[in-house]
C-alpha cells in the first residue's frame, strides 16, 4: 500500500518503487506455528 517513495539525489527527484525488506522463512511443527 505504501507504493514506494520519492528521493532527491544531486538535485533530481527519483521515485523509489521497491522498498528494501527482509524475508524470513521458517519451517516448523504445526503446533509451534501460532506462537
ModelCIF file with pLDDT and N, C-alpha, C, O atoms, coordinates in Angstrom:
data_MODEL
#
_entry.id   MODEL 
#
_entity.id                         1 
_entity.type                       polymer 
_entity.pdbx_number_of_molecules   1 
#
_entity_poly.entity_id                      1 
_entity_poly.type                           'polypeptide(L)' 
_entity_poly.nstd_linkage                   no 
_entity_poly.nstd_monomer                   no 
_entity_poly.pdbx_seq_one_letter_code       
;(UNK)(UNK)(UNK)(UNK)(UNK)(UNK)(UNK)(UNK)(UNK)(UNK)(UNK)(UNK)(UNK)(UNK)(UNK)(UNK)
(UNK)(UNK)(UNK)(UNK)(UNK)(UNK)(UNK)(UNK)(UNK)(UNK)(UNK)(UNK)(UNK)(UNK)(UNK)(UNK)
(UNK)(UNK)(UNK)
;
_entity_poly.pdbx_seq_one_letter_code_can   XXXXXXXXXXXXXXXXXXXXXXXXXXXXXXXXXXX 
_entity_poly.pdbx_strand_id                 A 
#
loop_
_entity_poly_seq.entity_id 
_entity_poly_seq.num 
_entity_poly_seq.mon_id 
_entity_poly_seq.hetero 
1 1  UNK n 
1 2  UNK n 
1 3  UNK n 
1 4  UNK n 
1 5  UNK n 
1 6  UNK n 
1 7  UNK n 
1 8  UNK n 
1 9  UNK n 
1 10 UNK n 
1 11 UNK n 
1 12 UNK n 
1 13 UNK n 
1 14 UNK n 
1 15 UNK n 
1 16 UNK n 
1 17 UNK n 
1 18 UNK n 
1 19 UNK n 
1 20 UNK n 
1 21 UNK n 
1 22 UNK n 
1 23 UNK n 
1 24 UNK n 
1 25 UNK n 
1 26 UNK n 
1 27 UNK n 
1 28 UNK n 
1 29 UNK n 
1 30 UNK n 
1 31 UNK n 
1 32 UNK n 
1 33 UNK n 
1 34 UNK n 
1 35 UNK n 
#
_struct_asym.id          A 
_struct_asym.entity_id   1 
#
loop_
_ma_qa_metric.id 
_ma_qa_metric.mode 
_ma_qa_metric.name 
_ma_qa_metric.software_group_id 
_ma_qa_metric.type 
1 global pLDDT . pLDDT 
2 local  pLDDT . pLDDT 
#
_ma_qa_metric_global.metric_id      1 
_ma_qa_metric_global.metric_value   82.14 
_ma_qa_metric_global.model_id       1 
_ma_qa_metric_global.ordinal_id     1 
#
loop_
_ma_qa_metric_local.label_asym_id 
_ma_qa_metric_local.label_comp_id 
_ma_qa_metric_local.label_seq_id 
_ma_qa_metric_local.metric_id 
_ma_qa_metric_local.metric_value 
_ma_qa_metric_local.model_id 
_ma_qa_metric_local.ordinal_id 
A UNK 1  2 71.00 1 1  
A UNK 2  2 65.00 1 2  
A UNK 3  2 66.00 1 3  
A UNK 4  2 61.00 1 4  
A UNK 5  2 62.00 1 5  
A UNK 6  2 67.00 1 6  
A UNK 7  2 66.00 1 7  
A UNK 8  2 71.00 1 8  
A UNK 9  2 71.00 1 9  
A UNK 10 2 76.00 1 10 
A UNK 11 2 76.00 1 11 
A UNK 12 2 76.00 1 12 
A UNK 13 2 72.00 1 13 
A UNK 14 2 70.00 1 14 
A UNK 15 2 72.00 1 15 
A UNK 16 2 71.00 1 16 
A UNK 17 2 74.00 1 17 
A UNK 18 2 81.00 1 18 
A UNK 19 2 85.00 1 19 
A UNK 20 2 90.00 1 20 
A UNK 21 2 94.00 1 21 
A UNK 22 2 97.00 1 22 
A UNK 23 2 98.00 1 23 
A UNK 24 2 98.00 1 24 
A UNK 25 2 98.00 1 25 
A UNK 26 2 97.00 1 26 
A UNK 27 2 96.00 1 27 
A UNK 28 2 94.00 1 28 
A UNK 29 2 93.00 1 29 
A UNK 30 2 93.00 1 30 
A UNK 31 2 93.00 1 31 
A UNK 32 2 94.00 1 32 
A UNK 33 2 95.00 1 33 
A UNK 34 2 96.00 1 34 
A UNK 35 2 96.00 1 35 
#
loop_
_atom_site.group_PDB 
_atom_site.id 
_atom_site.type_symbol 
_atom_site.label_atom_id 
_atom_site.label_alt_id 
_atom_site.label_comp_id 
_atom_site.label_asym_id 
_atom_site.label_entity_id 
_atom_site.label_seq_id 
_atom_site.pdbx_PDB_ins_code 
_atom_site.Cartn_x 
_atom_site.Cartn_y 
_atom_site.Cartn_z 
_atom_site.occupancy 
_atom_site.B_iso_or_equiv 
_atom_site.pdbx_formal_charge 
_atom_site.auth_seq_id 
_atom_site.auth_comp_id 
_atom_site.auth_asym_id 
_atom_site.auth_atom_id 
_atom_site.pdbx_PDB_model_num 
ATOM 1   N N  . UNK A 1 1  ? 0.812  -1.218  0.000  1.00 71.00 ? 1  UNK A N  1 
ATOM 2   C CA . UNK A 1 1  ? 0.000  0.000   0.000  1.00 71.00 ? 1  UNK A CA 1 
ATOM 3   C C  . UNK A 1 1  ? 0.842  1.263   0.000  1.00 71.00 ? 1  UNK A C  1 
ATOM 4   O O  . UNK A 1 1  ? 0.393  2.308   -0.471 1.00 71.00 ? 1  UNK A O  1 
ATOM 5   N N  . UNK A 1 2  ? 2.067  1.177   0.527  1.00 65.00 ? 2  UNK A N  1 
ATOM 6   C CA . UNK A 1 2  ? 2.883  2.380   0.619  1.00 65.00 ? 2  UNK A CA 1 
ATOM 7   C C  . UNK A 1 2  ? 3.372  2.859   -0.751 1.00 65.00 ? 2  UNK A C  1 
ATOM 8   O O  . UNK A 1 2  ? 3.737  4.026   -0.890 1.00 65.00 ? 2  UNK A O  1 
ATOM 9   N N  . UNK A 1 3  ? 3.387  2.009   -1.741 1.00 66.00 ? 3  UNK A N  1 
ATOM 10  C CA . UNK A 1 3  ? 3.730  2.347   -3.129 1.00 66.00 ? 3  UNK A CA 1 
ATOM 11  C C  . UNK A 1 3  ? 5.083  3.032   -3.289 1.00 66.00 ? 3  UNK A C  1 
ATOM 12  O O  . UNK A 1 3  ? 5.267  3.830   -4.208 1.00 66.00 ? 3  UNK A O  1 
ATOM 13  N N  . UNK A 1 4  ? 6.027  2.729   -2.406 1.00 61.00 ? 4  UNK A N  1 
ATOM 14  C CA . UNK A 1 4  ? 7.361  3.311   -2.526 1.00 61.00 ? 4  UNK A CA 1 
ATOM 15  C C  . UNK A 1 4  ? 7.397  4.745   -2.026 1.00 61.00 ? 4  UNK A C  1 
ATOM 16  O O  . UNK A 1 4  ? 6.507  5.182   -1.296 1.00 61.00 ? 4  UNK A O  1 
ATOM 17  N N  . UNK A 1 5  ? 8.436  5.473   -2.426 1.00 62.00 ? 5  UNK A N  1 
ATOM 18  C CA . UNK A 1 5  ? 8.584  6.862   -2.004 1.00 62.00 ? 5  UNK A CA 1 
ATOM 19  C C  . UNK A 1 5  ? 9.490  7.592   -2.991 1.00 62.00 ? 5  UNK A C  1 
ATOM 20  O O  . UNK A 1 5  ? 10.071 6.973   -3.883 1.00 62.00 ? 5  UNK A O  1 
ATOM 21  N N  . UNK A 1 6  ? 9.609  8.921   -2.828 1.00 67.00 ? 6  UNK A N  1 
ATOM 22  C CA . UNK A 1 6  ? 10.493 9.697   -3.699 1.00 67.00 ? 6  UNK A CA 1 
ATOM 23  C C  . UNK A 1 6  ? 11.724 10.134  -2.912 1.00 67.00 ? 6  UNK A C  1 
ATOM 24  O O  . UNK A 1 6  ? 11.656 10.381  -1.708 1.00 67.00 ? 6  UNK A O  1 
ATOM 25  N N  . UNK A 1 7  ? 12.844 10.224  -3.612 1.00 66.00 ? 7  UNK A N  1 
ATOM 26  C CA . UNK A 1 7  ? 14.092 10.698  -3.022 1.00 66.00 ? 7  UNK A CA 1 
ATOM 27  C C  . UNK A 1 7  ? 14.706 11.716  -3.955 1.00 66.00 ? 7  UNK A C  1 
ATOM 28  O O  . UNK A 1 7  ? 14.469 11.690  -5.163 1.00 66.00 ? 7  UNK A O  1 
ATOM 29  N N  . UNK A 1 8  ? 15.499 12.615  -3.390 1.00 71.00 ? 8  UNK A N  1 
ATOM 30  C CA . UNK A 1 8  ? 16.208 13.604  -4.205 1.00 71.00 ? 8  UNK A CA 1 
ATOM 31  C C  . UNK A 1 8  ? 17.693 13.267  -4.149 1.00 71.00 ? 8  UNK A C  1 
ATOM 32  O O  . UNK A 1 8  ? 18.276 13.165  -3.070 1.00 71.00 ? 8  UNK A O  1 
ATOM 33  N N  . UNK A 1 9  ? 18.307 13.094  -5.336 1.00 71.00 ? 9  UNK A N  1 
ATOM 34  C CA . UNK A 1 9  ? 19.724 12.775  -5.435 1.00 71.00 ? 9  UNK A CA 1 
ATOM 35  C C  . UNK A 1 9  ? 20.354 13.743  -6.415 1.00 71.00 ? 9  UNK A C  1 
ATOM 36  O O  . UNK A 1 9  ? 19.983 13.781  -7.588 1.00 71.00 ? 9  UNK A O  1 
ATOM 37  N N  . UNK A 1 10 ? 21.308 14.527  -5.933 1.00 76.00 ? 10 UNK A N  1 
ATOM 38  C CA . UNK A 1 10 ? 22.002 15.537  -6.746 1.00 76.00 ? 10 UNK A CA 1 
ATOM 39  C C  . UNK A 1 10 ? 21.025 16.449  -7.473 1.00 76.00 ? 10 UNK A C  1 
ATOM 40  O O  . UNK A 1 10 ? 21.192 16.755  -8.653 1.00 76.00 ? 10 UNK A O  1 
ATOM 41  N N  . UNK A 1 11 ? 20.019 16.868  -6.753 1.00 76.00 ? 11 UNK A N  1 
ATOM 42  C CA . UNK A 1 11 ? 19.065 17.827  -7.295 1.00 76.00 ? 11 UNK A CA 1 
ATOM 43  C C  . UNK A 1 11 ? 17.951 17.241  -8.133 1.00 76.00 ? 11 UNK A C  1 
ATOM 44  O O  . UNK A 1 11 ? 17.015 17.958  -8.489 1.00 76.00 ? 11 UNK A O  1 
ATOM 45  N N  . UNK A 1 12 ? 18.020 15.961  -8.462 1.00 76.00 ? 12 UNK A N  1 
ATOM 46  C CA . UNK A 1 12 ? 16.971 15.328  -9.277 1.00 76.00 ? 12 UNK A CA 1 
ATOM 47  C C  . UNK A 1 12 ? 16.091 14.459  -8.375 1.00 76.00 ? 12 UNK A C  1 
ATOM 48  O O  . UNK A 1 12 ? 16.578 13.806  -7.452 1.00 76.00 ? 12 UNK A O  1 
ATOM 49  N N  . UNK A 1 13 ? 14.817 14.464  -8.653 1.00 72.00 ? 13 UNK A N  1 
ATOM 50  C CA . UNK A 1 13 ? 13.879 13.669  -7.873 1.00 72.00 ? 13 UNK A CA 1 
ATOM 51  C C  . UNK A 1 13 ? 13.695 12.300  -8.520 1.00 72.00 ? 13 UNK A C  1 
ATOM 52  O O  . UNK A 1 13 ? 13.459 12.196  -9.724 1.00 72.00 ? 13 UNK A O  1 
ATOM 53  N N  . UNK A 1 14 ? 13.807 11.254  -7.708 1.00 70.00 ? 14 UNK A N  1 
ATOM 54  C CA . UNK A 1 14 ? 13.647 9.884   -8.189 1.00 70.00 ? 14 UNK A CA 1 
ATOM 55  C C  . UNK A 1 14 ? 12.529 9.202   -7.424 1.00 70.00 ? 14 UNK A C  1 
ATOM 56  O O  . UNK A 1 14 ? 12.357 9.415   -6.224 1.00 70.00 ? 14 UNK A O  1 
ATOM 57  N N  . UNK A 1 15 ? 11.778 8.385   -8.129 1.00 72.00 ? 15 UNK A N  1 
ATOM 58  C CA . UNK A 1 15 ? 10.745 7.581   -7.482 1.00 72.00 ? 15 UNK A CA 1 
ATOM 59  C C  . UNK A 1 15 ? 11.348 6.218   -7.188 1.00 72.00 ? 15 UNK A C  1 
ATOM 60  O O  . UNK A 1 15 ? 11.831 5.532   -8.089 1.00 72.00 ? 15 UNK A O  1 
ATOM 61  N N  . UNK A 1 16 ? 11.315 5.833   -5.916 1.00 71.00 ? 16 UNK A N  1 
ATOM 62  C CA . UNK A 1 16 ? 11.808 4.525   -5.500 1.00 71.00 ? 16 UNK A CA 1 
ATOM 63  C C  . UNK A 1 16 ? 10.576 3.625   -5.357 1.00 71.00 ? 16 UNK A C  1 
ATOM 64  O O  . UNK A 1 16 ? 9.851  3.697   -4.365 1.00 71.00 ? 16 UNK A O  1 
ATOM 65  N N  . UNK A 1 17 ? 10.358 2.783   -6.361 1.00 74.00 ? 17 UNK A N  1 
ATOM 66  C CA . UNK A 1 17 ? 9.166  1.927   -6.377 1.00 74.00 ? 17 UNK A CA 1 
ATOM 67  C C  . UNK A 1 17 ? 9.278  0.770   -5.396 1.00 74.00 ? 17 UNK A C  1 
ATOM 68  O O  . UNK A 1 17 ? 8.304  0.423   -4.728 1.00 74.00 ? 17 UNK A O  1 
ATOM 69  N N  . UNK A 1 18 ? 10.445 0.181   -5.309 1.00 81.00 ? 18 UNK A N  1 
ATOM 70  C CA . UNK A 1 18 ? 10.615 -1.008  -4.494 1.00 81.00 ? 18 UNK A CA 1 
ATOM 71  C C  . UNK A 1 18 ? 11.382 -0.670  -3.218 1.00 81.00 ? 18 UNK A C  1 
ATOM 72  O O  . UNK A 1 18 ? 12.486 -0.129  -3.262 1.00 81.00 ? 18 UNK A O  1 
ATOM 73  N N  . UNK A 1 19 ? 10.777 -0.999  -2.096 1.00 85.00 ? 19 UNK A N  1 
ATOM 74  C CA . UNK A 1 19 ? 11.342 -0.691  -0.787 1.00 85.00 ? 19 UNK A CA 1 
ATOM 75  C C  . UNK A 1 19 ? 12.104 -1.922  -0.289 1.00 85.00 ? 19 UNK A C  1 
ATOM 76  O O  . UNK A 1 19 ? 11.590 -3.036  -0.394 1.00 85.00 ? 19 UNK A O  1 
ATOM 77  N N  . UNK A 1 20 ? 13.319 -1.749  0.251  1.00 90.00 ? 20 UNK A N  1 
ATOM 78  C CA . UNK A 1 20 ? 14.073 -2.896  0.766  1.00 90.00 ? 20 UNK A CA 1 
ATOM 79  C C  . UNK A 1 20 ? 13.385 -3.512  1.989  1.00 90.00 ? 20 UNK A C  1 
ATOM 80  O O  . UNK A 1 20 ? 12.939 -2.801  2.890  1.00 90.00 ? 20 UNK A O  1 
ATOM 81  N N  . UNK A 1 21 ? 13.311 -4.817  2.001  1.00 94.00 ? 21 UNK A N  1 
ATOM 82  C CA . UNK A 1 21 ? 12.718 -5.575  3.104  1.00 94.00 ? 21 UNK A CA 1 
ATOM 83  C C  . UNK A 1 21 ? 13.570 -6.807  3.370  1.00 94.00 ? 21 UNK A C  1 
ATOM 84  O O  . UNK A 1 21 ? 14.489 -7.114  2.609  1.00 94.00 ? 21 UNK A O  1 
ATOM 85  N N  . UNK A 1 22 ? 13.262 -7.507  4.448  1.00 97.00 ? 22 UNK A N  1 
ATOM 86  C CA . UNK A 1 22 ? 13.891 -8.776  4.782  1.00 97.00 ? 22 UNK A CA 1 
ATOM 87  C C  . UNK A 1 22 ? 12.816 -9.851  4.772  1.00 97.00 ? 22 UNK A C  1 
ATOM 88  O O  . UNK A 1 22 ? 11.727 -9.663  5.313  1.00 97.00 ? 22 UNK A O  1 
ATOM 89  N N  . UNK A 1 23 ? 13.133 -10.977 4.151  1.00 98.00 ? 23 UNK A N  1 
ATOM 90  C CA . UNK A 1 23 ? 12.208 -12.107 4.134  1.00 98.00 ? 23 UNK A CA 1 
ATOM 91  C C  . UNK A 1 23 ? 12.792 -13.209 5.014  1.00 98.00 ? 23 UNK A C  1 
ATOM 92  O O  . UNK A 1 23 ? 13.911 -13.674 4.797  1.00 98.00 ? 23 UNK A O  1 
ATOM 93  N N  . UNK A 1 24 ? 12.010 -13.612 6.009  1.00 98.00 ? 24 UNK A N  1 
ATOM 94  C CA . UNK A 1 24 ? 12.394 -14.694 6.905  1.00 98.00 ? 24 UNK A CA 1 
ATOM 95  C C  . UNK A 1 24 ? 11.551 -15.903 6.554  1.00 98.00 ? 24 UNK A C  1 
ATOM 96  O O  . UNK A 1 24 ? 10.326 -15.807 6.479  1.00 98.00 ? 24 UNK A O  1 
ATOM 97  N N  . UNK A 1 25 ? 12.199 -17.048 6.338  1.00 98.00 ? 25 UNK A N  1 
ATOM 98  C CA . UNK A 1 25 ? 11.483 -18.289 6.055  1.00 98.00 ? 25 UNK A CA 1 
ATOM 99  C C  . UNK A 1 25 ? 11.803 -19.288 7.160  1.00 98.00 ? 25 UNK A C  1 
ATOM 100 O O  . UNK A 1 25 ? 12.966 -19.543 7.471  1.00 98.00 ? 25 UNK A O  1 
ATOM 101 N N  . UNK A 1 26 ? 10.741 -19.850 7.747  1.00 97.00 ? 26 UNK A N  1 
ATOM 102 C CA . UNK A 1 26 ? 10.895 -20.809 8.841  1.00 97.00 ? 26 UNK A CA 1 
ATOM 103 C C  . UNK A 1 26 ? 9.980  -21.990 8.568  1.00 97.00 ? 26 UNK A C  1 
ATOM 104 O O  . UNK A 1 26 ? 8.811  -21.807 8.229  1.00 97.00 ? 26 UNK A O  1 
ATOM 105 N N  . UNK A 1 27 ? 10.504 -23.197 8.711  1.00 96.00 ? 27 UNK A N  1 
ATOM 106 C CA . UNK A 1 27 ? 9.673  -24.399 8.671  1.00 96.00 ? 27 UNK A CA 1 
ATOM 107 C C  . UNK A 1 27 ? 9.684  -24.981 10.078 1.00 96.00 ? 27 UNK A C  1 
ATOM 108 O O  . UNK A 1 27 ? 10.744 -25.196 10.665 1.00 96.00 ? 27 UNK A O  1 
ATOM 109 N N  . UNK A 1 28 ? 8.492  -25.235 10.610 1.00 94.00 ? 28 UNK A N  1 
ATOM 110 C CA . UNK A 1 28 ? 8.382  -25.697 11.979 1.00 94.00 ? 28 UNK A CA 1 
ATOM 111 C C  . UNK A 1 28 ? 7.162  -26.586 12.150 1.00 94.00 ? 28 UNK A C  1 
ATOM 112 O O  . UNK A 1 28 ? 6.333  -26.697 11.246 1.00 94.00 ? 28 UNK A O  1 
ATOM 113 N N  . UNK A 1 29 ? 7.055  -27.212 13.303 1.00 93.00 ? 29 UNK A N  1 
ATOM 114 C CA . UNK A 1 29 ? 5.911  -28.072 13.565 1.00 93.00 ? 29 UNK A CA 1 
ATOM 115 C C  . UNK A 1 29 ? 4.652  -27.211 13.626 1.00 93.00 ? 29 UNK A C  1 
ATOM 116 O O  . UNK A 1 29 ? 4.704  -26.037 13.991 1.00 93.00 ? 29 UNK A O  1 
ATOM 117 N N  . UNK A 1 30 ? 3.539  -27.805 13.268 1.00 93.00 ? 30 UNK A N  1 
ATOM 118 C CA . UNK A 1 30 ? 2.273  -27.075 13.213 1.00 93.00 ? 30 UNK A CA 1 
ATOM 119 C C  . UNK A 1 30 ? 1.896  -26.485 14.570 1.00 93.00 ? 30 UNK A C  1 
ATOM 120 O O  . UNK A 1 30 ? 1.303  -25.408 14.629 1.00 93.00 ? 30 UNK A O  1 
ATOM 121 N N  . UNK A 1 31 ? 2.232  -27.174 15.658 1.00 93.00 ? 31 UNK A N  1 
ATOM 122 C CA . UNK A 1 31 ? 1.860  -26.675 16.981 1.00 93.00 ? 31 UNK A CA 1 
ATOM 123 C C  . UNK A 1 31 ? 2.685  -25.462 17.420 1.00 93.00 ? 31 UNK A C  1 
ATOM 124 O O  . UNK A 1 31 ? 2.271  -24.737 18.325 1.00 93.00 ? 31 UNK A O  1 
ATOM 125 N N  . UNK A 1 32 ? 3.838  -25.228 16.799 1.00 94.00 ? 32 UNK A N  1 
ATOM 126 C CA . UNK A 1 32 ? 4.661  -24.049 17.110 1.00 94.00 ? 32 UNK A CA 1 
ATOM 127 C C  . UNK A 1 32 ? 4.321  -22.844 16.234 1.00 94.00 ? 32 UNK A C  1 
ATOM 128 O O  . UNK A 1 32 ? 4.746  -21.727 16.527 1.00 94.00 ? 32 UNK A O  1 
ATOM 129 N N  . UNK A 1 33 ? 3.566  -23.061 15.170 1.00 95.00 ? 33 UNK A N  1 
ATOM 130 C CA . UNK A 1 33 ? 3.326  -22.004 14.190 1.00 95.00 ? 33 UNK A CA 1 
ATOM 131 C C  . UNK A 1 33 ? 2.632  -20.781 14.795 1.00 95.00 ? 33 UNK A C  1 
ATOM 132 O O  . UNK A 1 33 ? 3.070  -19.652 14.574 1.00 95.00 ? 33 UNK A O  1 
ATOM 133 N N  . UNK A 1 34 ? 1.564  -20.994 15.549 1.00 96.00 ? 34 UNK A N  1 
ATOM 134 C CA . UNK A 1 34 ? 0.837  -19.850 16.102 1.00 96.00 ? 34 UNK A CA 1 
ATOM 135 C C  . UNK A 1 34 ? 1.693  -19.028 17.054 1.00 96.00 ? 34 UNK A C  1 
ATOM 136 O O  . UNK A 1 34 ? 1.614  -17.800 17.060 1.00 96.00 ? 34 UNK A O  1 
ATOM 137 N N  . UNK A 1 35 ? 2.510  -19.697 17.856 1.00 96.00 ? 35 UNK A N  1 
ATOM 138 C CA . UNK A 1 35 ? 3.410  -18.985 18.769 1.00 96.00 ? 35 UNK A CA 1 
ATOM 139 C C  . UNK A 1 35 ? 4.407  -18.146 17.982 1.00 96.00 ? 35 UNK A C  1 
ATOM 140 O O  . UNK A 1 35 ? 5.250  -17.473 18.575 1.00 96.00 ? 35 UNK A O  1 
#
